[in-house]
Structure formats: structure tokens, C-alpha cells
Amino acid sequence: MEKRNRKSPSHNKANASQAKGLDVEYSSELADQNDLEAQARAQAADRRQKKGRR
């Protein structure tokens, strides 16, 4: 039988970046520079997607 790592991920900022595909609450008051850059990249990607659908 294979041993598995059974540690559950804690819900803190260090593990938030590992939450791929999960909805997370966003607060502009708590946003740091990395959050703002990520938001800008996401908006640019959305524009590219909408442009390609025409």
C-alpha cells in the first residue's frame, strides 16, 4: 500500500496561490501589487478572448 501525504492545505495567503481553479473572494482594499498585476493580466486575456470570437 502506498503512503500518501494526508496534510490538508491550510487556508492562508501562502497557499492561496496554489488554489488553481477555485473561486476566491477578492477585496480591492486588501490587494497588493501582485494582485493588481494579476487582475490586469486577466482583463487583457478576457479582451483577447472576446476579440477572437468575432
N, C-alpha and C. Protein backbone atom coordinates (compact mmCIF):
# COMPACT_ATOMS: atom_id res chain seq x y z
N MET A 1 0.85 -1.18 0.00
CA MET A 1 0.00 0.00 0.00
C MET A 1 0.89 1.25 0.00
N GLU A 2 0.55 2.18 -0.83
CA GLU A 2 1.32 3.41 -0.98
C GLU A 2 0.92 4.42 0.10
N LYS A 3 1.92 5.03 0.71
CA LYS A 3 1.66 6.05 1.71
C LYS A 3 1.41 7.39 1.04
N ARG A 4 0.39 8.08 1.48
CA ARG A 4 0.06 9.37 0.91
C ARG A 4 0.26 10.47 1.95
N ASN A 5 0.56 11.63 1.46
CA ASN A 5 0.68 12.78 2.33
C ASN A 5 -0.74 13.25 2.65
N ARG A 6 -1.14 13.14 3.88
CA ARG A 6 -2.52 13.45 4.26
C ARG A 6 -2.67 14.83 4.89
N LYS A 7 -1.68 15.66 4.74
CA LYS A 7 -1.79 17.01 5.27
C LYS A 7 -2.82 17.79 4.45
N SER A 8 -3.75 18.38 5.13
CA SER A 8 -4.73 19.19 4.41
C SER A 8 -4.18 20.60 4.24
N PRO A 9 -4.45 21.22 3.10
CA PRO A 9 -3.93 22.58 2.90
C PRO A 9 -4.60 23.56 3.84
N SER A 10 -3.81 24.39 4.46
CA SER A 10 -4.39 25.40 5.34
C SER A 10 -4.85 26.57 4.49
N HIS A 11 -5.79 27.31 4.98
CA HIS A 11 -6.35 28.43 4.23
C HIS A 11 -5.66 29.72 4.65
N ASN A 12 -4.48 29.90 4.13
CA ASN A 12 -3.76 31.13 4.41
C ASN A 12 -3.21 31.69 3.11
N LYS A 13 -2.63 32.87 3.18
CA LYS A 13 -2.17 33.55 1.97
C LYS A 13 -1.07 32.77 1.25
N ALA A 14 -0.25 32.04 1.98
CA ALA A 14 0.83 31.29 1.36
C ALA A 14 0.29 30.20 0.45
N ASN A 15 -0.83 29.61 0.80
CA ASN A 15 -1.41 28.54 -0.01
C ASN A 15 -2.45 29.06 -0.99
N ALA A 16 -2.81 30.32 -0.92
CA ALA A 16 -3.84 30.87 -1.81
C ALA A 16 -3.40 30.78 -3.26
N SER A 17 -2.12 30.95 -3.54
CA SER A 17 -1.65 30.89 -4.91
C SER A 17 -1.72 29.48 -5.47
N GLN A 18 -1.87 28.49 -4.63
CA GLN A 18 -1.96 27.11 -5.08
C GLN A 18 -3.40 26.69 -5.34
N ALA A 19 -4.35 27.54 -5.11
CA ALA A 19 -5.77 27.22 -5.27
C ALA A 19 -6.19 27.40 -6.72
N LYS A 20 -5.68 26.59 -7.60
CA LYS A 20 -5.98 26.70 -9.02
C LYS A 20 -7.38 26.18 -9.30
N GLY A 21 -8.13 26.96 -10.04
CA GLY A 21 -9.47 26.54 -10.43
C GLY A 21 -10.53 26.73 -9.36
N LEU A 22 -10.18 27.34 -8.25
CA LEU A 22 -11.15 27.57 -7.19
C LEU A 22 -11.52 29.05 -7.14
N ASP A 23 -12.78 29.31 -6.88
CA ASP A 23 -13.21 30.69 -6.72
C ASP A 23 -12.75 31.20 -5.37
N VAL A 24 -12.19 32.38 -5.37
CA VAL A 24 -11.75 33.00 -4.13
C VAL A 24 -12.31 34.42 -4.08
N GLU A 25 -12.55 34.90 -2.90
CA GLU A 25 -13.09 36.24 -2.75
C GLU A 25 -11.97 37.25 -2.97
N TYR A 26 -12.27 38.32 -3.68
CA TYR A 26 -11.28 39.36 -3.98
C TYR A 26 -11.69 40.65 -3.28
N SER A 27 -10.75 41.27 -2.64
CA SER A 27 -11.01 42.54 -1.97
C SER A 27 -10.01 43.57 -2.48
N SER A 28 -10.51 44.62 -3.12
CA SER A 28 -9.59 45.63 -3.64
C SER A 28 -8.88 46.38 -2.52
N GLU A 29 -9.49 46.44 -1.34
CA GLU A 29 -8.84 47.10 -0.21
C GLU A 29 -7.61 46.33 0.27
N LEU A 30 -7.62 45.02 0.10
CA LEU A 30 -6.52 44.18 0.56
C LEU A 30 -5.54 43.81 -0.55
N ALA A 31 -5.78 44.27 -1.76
CA ALA A 31 -4.96 43.89 -2.90
C ALA A 31 -3.56 44.50 -2.80
N ASP A 32 -2.57 43.68 -3.12
CA ASP A 32 -1.20 44.18 -3.18
C ASP A 32 -0.80 44.33 -4.65
N GLN A 33 0.43 44.68 -4.92
CA GLN A 33 0.88 44.91 -6.29
C GLN A 33 0.73 43.66 -7.15
N ASN A 34 1.03 42.49 -6.61
CA ASN A 34 0.88 41.25 -7.37
C ASN A 34 -0.57 41.00 -7.75
N ASP A 35 -1.50 41.30 -6.84
CA ASP A 35 -2.92 41.14 -7.13
C ASP A 35 -3.36 42.06 -8.26
N LEU A 36 -2.90 43.30 -8.21
CA LEU A 36 -3.27 44.28 -9.24
C LEU A 36 -2.72 43.87 -10.60
N GLU A 37 -1.49 43.36 -10.63
CA GLU A 37 -0.89 42.91 -11.89
C GLU A 37 -1.63 41.69 -12.44
N ALA A 38 -2.00 40.79 -11.57
CA ALA A 38 -2.75 39.60 -11.99
C ALA A 38 -4.11 39.99 -12.53
N GLN A 39 -4.75 40.95 -11.90
CA GLN A 39 -6.05 41.41 -12.37
C GLN A 39 -5.92 42.05 -13.76
N ALA A 40 -4.88 42.82 -13.97
CA ALA A 40 -4.65 43.44 -15.28
C ALA A 40 -4.40 42.38 -16.35
N ARG A 41 -3.63 41.34 -16.02
CA ARG A 41 -3.39 40.25 -16.97
C ARG A 41 -4.68 39.52 -17.31
N ALA A 42 -5.52 39.30 -16.31
CA ALA A 42 -6.79 38.60 -16.53
C ALA A 42 -7.70 39.43 -17.43
N GLN A 43 -7.74 40.73 -17.22
CA GLN A 43 -8.57 41.59 -18.06
C GLN A 43 -8.06 41.61 -19.49
N ALA A 44 -6.75 41.63 -19.67
CA ALA A 44 -6.18 41.61 -21.01
C ALA A 44 -6.50 40.28 -21.71
N ALA A 45 -6.44 39.20 -20.98
CA ALA A 45 -6.78 37.89 -21.54
C ALA A 45 -8.25 37.83 -21.93
N ASP A 46 -9.11 38.40 -21.11
CA ASP A 46 -10.54 38.44 -21.44
C ASP A 46 -10.78 39.22 -22.73
N ARG A 47 -10.07 40.36 -22.88
CA ARG A 47 -10.22 41.15 -24.10
C ARG A 47 -9.76 40.35 -25.32
N ARG A 48 -8.65 39.63 -25.20
CA ARG A 48 -8.15 38.83 -26.33
C ARG A 48 -9.16 37.73 -26.68
N GLN A 49 -9.76 37.11 -25.69
CA GLN A 49 -10.74 36.06 -25.94
C GLN A 49 -11.96 36.62 -26.66
N LYS A 50 -12.44 37.77 -26.19
CA LYS A 50 -13.63 38.38 -26.81
C LYS A 50 -13.32 38.82 -28.24
N LYS A 51 -12.11 39.31 -28.48
CA LYS A 51 -11.72 39.77 -29.81
C LYS A 51 -11.66 38.59 -30.78
N GLY A 52 -11.19 37.44 -30.31
CA GLY A 52 -11.07 36.26 -31.17
C GLY A 52 -12.38 35.59 -31.51
N ARG A 53 -13.44 35.91 -30.81
CA ARG A 53 -14.75 35.27 -31.04
C ARG A 53 -15.54 35.93 -32.16
N ARG A 54 -15.09 37.05 -32.63
CA ARG A 54 -15.86 37.76 -33.68
C ARG A 54 -15.82 37.04 -34.98
